[in-house]
């Protein structure tokens, strides 16, 4: 049995800013959450076509990532 993953979807505006991202803590803007994830779990990011991308992280890590991001 494999470890369950959570996929965090990201949508970008034509100018490259983040307009929508999943699993975002309320205290952070979409761009701030993307920036934090990019600095801390960049090896889990995959870019997609059409101004989209995904972070695929262990489901058990999501709460810890949110708490750590809120504290920084």
PDB file of N, CA and C in Angstrom:
ATOM      1  N   UNK A   1       0.842  -1.180   0.000  1.00  0.00           N
ATOM      2  CA  UNK A   1       0.000   0.000   0.000  1.00  0.00           C
ATOM      3  C   UNK A   1       0.886   1.241   0.000  1.00  0.00           C
ATOM      4  N   UNK A   2       0.649   2.186  -0.910  1.00  0.00           N
ATOM      5  CA  UNK A   2       1.451   3.397  -1.010  1.00  0.00           C
ATOM      6  C   UNK A   2       0.958   4.496  -0.091  1.00  0.00           C
ATOM      7  N   UNK A   3       1.799   5.499   0.037  1.00  0.00           N
ATOM      8  CA  UNK A   3       1.433   6.645   0.865  1.00  0.00           C
ATOM      9  C   UNK A   3       0.497   7.549   0.066  1.00  0.00           C
ATOM     10  N   UNK A   4      -0.556   8.036   0.719  1.00  0.00           N
ATOM     11  CA  UNK A   4      -1.505   8.915   0.040  1.00  0.00           C
ATOM     12  C   UNK A   4      -0.893  10.288  -0.172  1.00  0.00           C
ATOM     13  N   UNK A   5      -1.172  10.861  -1.338  1.00  0.00           N
ATOM     14  CA  UNK A   5      -0.672  12.189  -1.674  1.00  0.00           C
ATOM     15  C   UNK A   5      -1.828  13.157  -1.840  1.00  0.00           C
ATOM     16  N   UNK A   6      -1.536  14.410  -1.591  1.00  0.00           N
ATOM     17  CA  UNK A   6      -2.467  15.494  -1.861  1.00  0.00           C
ATOM     18  C   UNK A   6      -1.888  16.309  -3.002  1.00  0.00           C
ATOM     19  N   UNK A   7      -2.723  16.646  -3.959  1.00  0.00           N
ATOM     20  CA  UNK A   7      -2.297  17.458  -5.086  1.00  0.00           C
ATOM     21  C   UNK A   7      -2.812  18.876  -4.862  1.00  0.00           C
ATOM     22  N   UNK A   8      -1.883  19.818  -4.817  1.00  0.00           N
ATOM     23  CA  UNK A   8      -2.222  21.227  -4.640  1.00  0.00           C
ATOM     24  C   UNK A   8      -2.161  21.878  -6.022  1.00  0.00           C
ATOM     25  N   UNK A   9      -3.308  22.243  -6.545  1.00  0.00           N
ATOM     26  CA  UNK A   9      -3.393  22.831  -7.879  1.00  0.00           C
ATOM     27  C   UNK A   9      -3.115  24.331  -7.829  1.00  0.00           C
ATOM     28  N   UNK A  10      -2.381  24.819  -8.830  1.00  0.00           N
ATOM     29  CA  UNK A  10      -2.031  26.233  -8.944  1.00  0.00           C
ATOM     30  C   UNK A  10      -2.473  26.735 -10.311  1.00  0.00           C
ATOM     31  N   UNK A  11      -3.104  27.920 -10.337  1.00  0.00           N
ATOM     32  CA  UNK A  11      -3.457  28.579 -11.603  1.00  0.00           C
ATOM     33  C   UNK A  11      -2.773  29.934 -11.634  1.00  0.00           C
ATOM     34  N   UNK A  12      -2.178  30.233 -12.784  1.00  0.00           N
ATOM     35  CA  UNK A  12      -1.442  31.480 -12.964  1.00  0.00           C
ATOM     36  C   UNK A  12      -2.177  32.425 -13.907  1.00  0.00           C
ATOM     37  N   UNK A  13      -2.022  33.722 -13.670  1.00  0.00           N
ATOM     38  CA  UNK A  13      -2.504  34.748 -14.595  1.00  0.00           C
ATOM     39  C   UNK A  13      -1.490  34.830 -15.745  1.00  0.00           C
ATOM     40  N   UNK A  14      -1.867  35.444 -16.863  1.00  0.00           N
ATOM     41  CA  UNK A  14      -0.927  35.584 -17.983  1.00  0.00           C
ATOM     42  C   UNK A  14       0.387  36.279 -17.602  1.00  0.00           C
ATOM     43  N   UNK A  15       0.371  37.118 -16.574  1.00  0.00           N
ATOM     44  CA  UNK A  15       1.605  37.807 -16.177  1.00  0.00           C
ATOM     45  C   UNK A  15       2.450  36.984 -15.202  1.00  0.00           C
ATOM     46  N   UNK A  16       2.030  35.763 -14.872  1.00  0.00           N
ATOM     47  CA  UNK A  16       2.807  34.870 -14.020  1.00  0.00           C
ATOM     48  C   UNK A  16       2.449  34.892 -12.550  1.00  0.00           C
ATOM     49  N   UNK A  17       1.561  35.775 -12.142  1.00  0.00           N
ATOM     50  CA  UNK A  17       1.157  35.788 -10.740  1.00  0.00           C
ATOM     51  C   UNK A  17       0.158  34.661 -10.476  1.00  0.00           C
ATOM     52  N   UNK A  18       0.113  34.222  -9.240  1.00  0.00           N
ATOM     53  CA  UNK A  18      -0.786  33.137  -8.848  1.00  0.00           C
ATOM     54  C   UNK A  18      -2.165  33.717  -8.550  1.00  0.00           C
ATOM     55  N   UNK A  19      -3.183  33.181  -9.205  1.00  0.00           N
ATOM     56  CA  UNK A  19      -4.551  33.649  -8.967  1.00  0.00           C
ATOM     57  C   UNK A  19      -5.363  32.663  -8.143  1.00  0.00           C
ATOM     58  N   UNK A  20      -4.932  31.404  -8.118  1.00  0.00           N
ATOM     59  CA  UNK A  20      -5.675  30.392  -7.373  1.00  0.00           C
ATOM     60  C   UNK A  20      -4.720  29.265  -6.998  1.00  0.00           C
ATOM     61  N   UNK A  21      -4.823  28.801  -5.747  1.00  0.00           N
ATOM     62  CA  UNK A  21      -3.991  27.688  -5.287  1.00  0.00           C
ATOM     63  C   UNK A  21      -4.725  26.956  -4.178  1.00  0.00           C
ATOM     64  N   UNK A  22      -4.638  25.653  -4.195  1.00  0.00           N
ATOM     65  CA  UNK A  22      -5.343  24.841  -3.216  1.00  0.00           C
ATOM     66  C   UNK A  22      -4.638  24.763  -1.871  1.00  0.00           C
ATOM     67  N   UNK A  23      -5.393  24.322  -0.872  1.00  0.00           N
ATOM     68  CA  UNK A  23      -4.883  24.064   0.481  1.00  0.00           C
ATOM     69  C   UNK A  23      -4.260  25.286   1.147  1.00  0.00           C
ATOM     70  N   UNK A  24      -4.633  26.473   0.712  1.00  0.00           N
ATOM     71  CA  UNK A  24      -4.011  27.721   1.191  1.00  0.00           C
ATOM     72  C   UNK A  24      -4.467  28.089   2.581  1.00  0.00           C
ATOM     73  N   UNK A  25      -3.527  28.424   3.473  1.00  0.00           N
ATOM     74  CA  UNK A  25      -3.911  28.964   4.783  1.00  0.00           C
ATOM     75  C   UNK A  25      -4.587  30.320   4.593  1.00  0.00           C
ATOM     76  N   UNK A  26      -5.590  30.627   5.398  1.00  0.00           N
ATOM     77  CA  UNK A  26      -6.344  31.882   5.250  1.00  0.00           C
ATOM     78  C   UNK A  26      -5.471  33.122   5.390  1.00  0.00           C
ATOM     79  N   UNK A  27      -4.430  33.033   6.194  1.00  0.00           N
ATOM     80  CA  UNK A  27      -3.588  34.201   6.467  1.00  0.00           C
ATOM     81  C   UNK A  27      -2.688  34.581   5.288  1.00  0.00           C
ATOM     82  N   UNK A  28      -2.562  33.715   4.294  1.00  0.00           N
ATOM     83  CA  UNK A  28      -1.660  33.979   3.173  1.00  0.00           C
ATOM     84  C   UNK A  28      -2.433  34.227   1.882  1.00  0.00           C
ATOM     85  N   UNK A  29      -1.901  35.092   1.053  1.00  0.00           N
ATOM     86  CA  UNK A  29      -2.470  35.293  -0.278  1.00  0.00           C
ATOM     87  C   UNK A  29      -2.072  34.098  -1.147  1.00  0.00           C
ATOM     88  N   UNK A  30      -2.741  33.912  -2.283  1.00  0.00           N
ATOM     89  CA  UNK A  30      -2.331  32.826  -3.175  1.00  0.00           C
ATOM     90  C   UNK A  30      -0.847  32.917  -3.563  1.00  0.00           C
ATOM     91  N   UNK A  31      -0.366  34.115  -3.854  1.00  0.00           N
ATOM     92  CA  UNK A  31       1.036  34.275  -4.250  1.00  0.00           C
ATOM     93  C   UNK A  31       1.982  33.947  -3.093  1.00  0.00           C
ATOM     94  N   UNK A  32       1.643  34.372  -1.875  1.00  0.00           N
ATOM     95  CA  UNK A  32       2.483  34.081  -0.713  1.00  0.00           C
ATOM     96  C   UNK A  32       2.571  32.575  -0.456  1.00  0.00           C
ATOM     97  N   UNK A  33       1.452  31.870  -0.568  1.00  0.00           N
ATOM     98  CA  UNK A  33       1.426  30.423  -0.356  1.00  0.00           C
ATOM     99  C   UNK A  33       2.275  29.726  -1.412  1.00  0.00           C
ATOM    100  N   UNK A  34       2.136  30.143  -2.674  1.00  0.00           N
ATOM    101  CA  UNK A  34       2.955  29.565  -3.741  1.00  0.00           C
ATOM    102  C   UNK A  34       4.435  29.823  -3.480  1.00  0.00           C
ATOM    103  N   UNK A  35       4.779  31.048  -3.106  1.00  0.00           N
ATOM    104  CA  UNK A  35       6.183  31.382  -2.839  1.00  0.00           C
ATOM    105  C   UNK A  35       6.733  30.522  -1.708  1.00  0.00           C
ATOM    106  N   UNK A  36       5.953  30.354  -0.636  1.00  0.00           N
ATOM    107  CA  UNK A  36       6.399  29.557   0.499  1.00  0.00           C
ATOM    108  C   UNK A  36       6.597  28.103   0.090  1.00  0.00           C
ATOM    109  N   UNK A  37       5.620  27.531  -0.626  1.00  0.00           N
ATOM    110  CA  UNK A  37       5.758  26.151  -1.093  1.00  0.00           C
ATOM    111  C   UNK A  37       6.957  26.007  -2.020  1.00  0.00           C
ATOM    112  N   UNK A  38       7.181  26.985  -2.881  1.00  0.00           N
ATOM    113  CA  UNK A  38       8.312  26.938  -3.816  1.00  0.00           C
ATOM    114  C   UNK A  38       9.647  26.925  -3.090  1.00  0.00           C
ATOM    115  N   UNK A  39       9.725  27.624  -1.986  1.00  0.00           N
ATOM    116  CA  UNK A  39      10.971  27.663  -1.210  1.00  0.00           C
ATOM    117  C   UNK A  39      11.160  26.414  -0.352  1.00  0.00           C
ATOM    118  N   UNK A  40      10.071  25.763   0.046  1.00  0.00           N
ATOM    119  CA  UNK A  40      10.155  24.677   1.014  1.00  0.00           C
ATOM    120  C   UNK A  40       9.902  23.276   0.473  1.00  0.00           C
ATOM    121  N   UNK A  41       9.152  23.141  -0.596  1.00  0.00           N
ATOM    122  CA  UNK A  41       8.891  21.817  -1.187  1.00  0.00           C
ATOM    123  C   UNK A  41       8.961  21.885  -2.715  1.00  0.00           C
ATOM    124  N   UNK A  42       9.913  22.631  -3.215  1.00  0.00           N
ATOM    125  CA  UNK A  42      10.026  22.841  -4.664  1.00  0.00           C
ATOM    126  C   UNK A  42      10.192  21.538  -5.438  1.00  0.00           C
ATOM    127  N   UNK A  43      10.831  20.542  -4.852  1.00  0.00           N
ATOM    128  CA  UNK A  43      11.040  19.279  -5.556  1.00  0.00           C
ATOM    129  C   UNK A  43       9.742  18.499  -5.771  1.00  0.00           C
ATOM    130  N   UNK A  44       8.646  18.973  -5.192  1.00  0.00           N
ATOM    131  CA  UNK A  44       7.340  18.332  -5.371  1.00  0.00           C
ATOM    132  C   UNK A  44       6.464  19.075  -6.386  1.00  0.00           C
ATOM    133  N   UNK A  45       7.024  20.069  -7.072  1.00  0.00           N
ATOM    134  CA  UNK A  45       6.250  20.882  -8.023  1.00  0.00           C
ATOM    135  C   UNK A  45       6.449  20.385  -9.444  1.00  0.00           C
ATOM    136  N   UNK A  46       5.370  20.403 -10.204  1.00  0.00           N
ATOM    137  CA  UNK A  46       5.407  20.090 -11.639  1.00  0.00           C
ATOM    138  C   UNK A  46       4.596  21.138 -12.371  1.00  0.00           C
ATOM    139  N   UNK A  47       5.194  21.732 -13.394  1.00  0.00           N
ATOM    140  CA  UNK A  47       4.449  22.703 -14.200  1.00  0.00           C
ATOM    141  C   UNK A  47       3.619  21.944 -15.233  1.00  0.00           C
ATOM    142  N   UNK A  48       2.486  22.519 -15.568  1.00  0.00           N
ATOM    143  CA  UNK A  48       1.570  21.952 -16.553  1.00  0.00           C
ATOM    144  C   UNK A  48       1.295  22.999 -17.627  1.00  0.00           C
ATOM    145  N   UNK A  49       0.688  22.587 -18.700  1.00  0.00           N
ATOM    146  CA  UNK A  49       0.325  23.514 -19.769  1.00  0.00           C
ATOM    147  C   UNK A  49      -0.851  24.387 -19.340  1.00  0.00           C
ATOM    148  N   UNK A  50      -1.024  25.491 -20.028  1.00  0.00           N
ATOM    149  CA  UNK A  50      -2.193  26.335 -19.816  1.00  0.00           C
ATOM    150  C   UNK A  50      -2.156  27.171 -18.558  1.00  0.00           C
ATOM    151  N   UNK A  51      -0.975  27.544 -18.102  1.00  0.00           N
ATOM    152  CA  UNK A  51      -0.883  28.392 -16.922  1.00  0.00           C
ATOM    153  C   UNK A  51      -1.244  27.691 -15.635  1.00  0.00           C
ATOM    154  N   UNK A  52      -0.886  26.426 -15.539  1.00  0.00           N
ATOM    155  CA  UNK A  52      -1.211  25.641 -14.350  1.00  0.00           C
ATOM    156  C   UNK A  52       0.022  24.898 -13.853  1.00  0.00           C
ATOM    157  N   UNK A  53      -0.070  24.421 -12.621  1.00  0.00           N
ATOM    158  CA  UNK A  53       0.970  23.594 -12.041  1.00  0.00           C
ATOM    159  C   UNK A  53       0.403  22.863 -10.842  1.00  0.00           C
ATOM    160  N   UNK A  54       1.159  21.915 -10.315  1.00  0.00           N
ATOM    161  CA  UNK A  54       0.726  21.164  -9.135  1.00  0.00           C
ATOM    162  C   UNK A  54       1.910  20.882  -8.217  1.00  0.00           C
ATOM    163  N   UNK A  55       1.635  20.902  -6.931  1.00  0.00           N
ATOM    164  CA  UNK A  55       2.540  20.376  -5.928  1.00  0.00           C
ATOM    165  C   UNK A  55       1.916  19.061  -5.479  1.00  0.00           C
ATOM    166  N   UNK A  56       2.676  17.995  -5.453  1.00  0.00           N
ATOM    167  CA  UNK A  56       2.174  16.705  -4.986  1.00  0.00           C
ATOM    168  C   UNK A  56       2.947  16.362  -3.715  1.00  0.00           C
ATOM    169  N   UNK A  57       2.264  16.445  -2.574  1.00  0.00           N
ATOM    170  CA  UNK A  57       2.898  16.225  -1.275  1.00  0.00           C
ATOM    171  C   UNK A  57       2.123  15.160  -0.499  1.00  0.00           C
ATOM    172  N   UNK A  58       2.789  14.576   0.474  1.00  0.00           N
ATOM    173  CA  UNK A  58       2.137  13.566   1.320  1.00  0.00           C
ATOM    174  C   UNK A  58       0.955  14.201   2.040  1.00  0.00           C
ATOM    175  N   UNK A  59      -0.163  13.517   2.019  1.00  0.00           N
ATOM    176  CA  UNK A  59      -1.381  14.026   2.668  1.00  0.00           C
ATOM    177  C   UNK A  59      -1.136  14.308   4.141  1.00  0.00           C
ATOM    178  N   UNK A  60      -0.298  13.520   4.772  1.00  0.00           N
ATOM    179  CA  UNK A  60      -0.017  13.699   6.198  1.00  0.00           C
ATOM    180  C   UNK A  60       0.790  14.966   6.477  1.00  0.00           C
ATOM    181  N   UNK A  61       1.398  15.559   5.459  1.00  0.00           N
ATOM    182  CA  UNK A  61       2.224  16.763   5.637  1.00  0.00           C
ATOM    183  C   UNK A  61       1.461  18.075   5.465  1.00  0.00           C
ATOM    184  N   UNK A  62       0.248  18.050   4.952  1.00  0.00           N
ATOM    185  CA  UNK A  62      -0.474  19.281   4.628  1.00  0.00           C
ATOM    186  C   UNK A  62      -0.681  20.175   5.841  1.00  0.00           C
ATOM    187  N   UNK A  63      -1.166  19.631   6.948  1.00  0.00           N
ATOM    188  CA  UNK A  63      -1.391  20.449   8.148  1.00  0.00           C
ATOM    189  C   UNK A  63      -0.098  21.058   8.658  1.00  0.00           C
ATOM    190  N   UNK A  64       0.984  20.275   8.647  1.00  0.00           N
ATOM    191  CA  UNK A  64       2.271  20.768   9.108  1.00  0.00           C
ATOM    192  C   UNK A  64       2.767  21.892   8.187  1.00  0.00           C
ATOM    193  N   UNK A  65       2.589  21.763   6.896  1.00  0.00           N
ATOM    194  CA  UNK A  65       3.002  22.804   5.958  1.00  0.00           C
ATOM    195  C   UNK A  65       2.229  24.103   6.212  1.00  0.00           C
ATOM    196  N   UNK A  66       0.924  23.988   6.414  1.00  0.00           N
ATOM    197  CA  UNK A  66       0.105  25.187   6.687  1.00  0.00           C
ATOM    198  C   UNK A  66       0.547  25.872   7.973  1.00  0.00           C
ATOM    199  N   UNK A  67       0.727  25.102   9.033  1.00  0.00           N
ATOM    200  CA  UNK A  67       1.131  25.676  10.319  1.00  0.00           C
ATOM    201  C   UNK A  67       2.496  26.357  10.223  1.00  0.00           C
ATOM    202  N   UNK A  68       3.429  25.725   9.561  1.00  0.00           N
ATOM    203  CA  UNK A  68       4.770  26.286   9.412  1.00  0.00           C
ATOM    204  C   UNK A  68       4.726  27.566   8.576  1.00  0.00           C
ATOM    205  N   UNK A  69       3.922  27.564   7.524  1.00  0.00           N
ATOM    206  CA  UNK A  69       3.798  28.758   6.674  1.00  0.00           C
ATOM    207  C   UNK A  69       3.179  29.909   7.445  1.00  0.00           C
ATOM    208  N   UNK A  70       2.180  29.632   8.270  1.00  0.00           N
ATOM    209  CA  UNK A  70       1.540  30.671   9.074  1.00  0.00           C
ATOM    210  C   UNK A  70       2.492  31.262  10.098  1.00  0.00           C
ATOM    211  N   UNK A  71       3.409  30.458  10.595  1.00  0.00           N
ATOM    212  CA  UNK A  71       4.350  30.918  11.625  1.00  0.00           C
ATOM    213  C   UNK A  71       5.478  31.761  11.051  1.00  0.00           C
ATOM    214  N   UNK A  72       5.699  31.669   9.741  1.00  0.00           N
ATOM    215  CA  UNK A  72       6.824  32.415   9.162  1.00  0.00           C
ATOM    216  C   UNK A  72       6.421  33.796   8.709  1.00  0.00           C
TER     217      UNK A  72
END
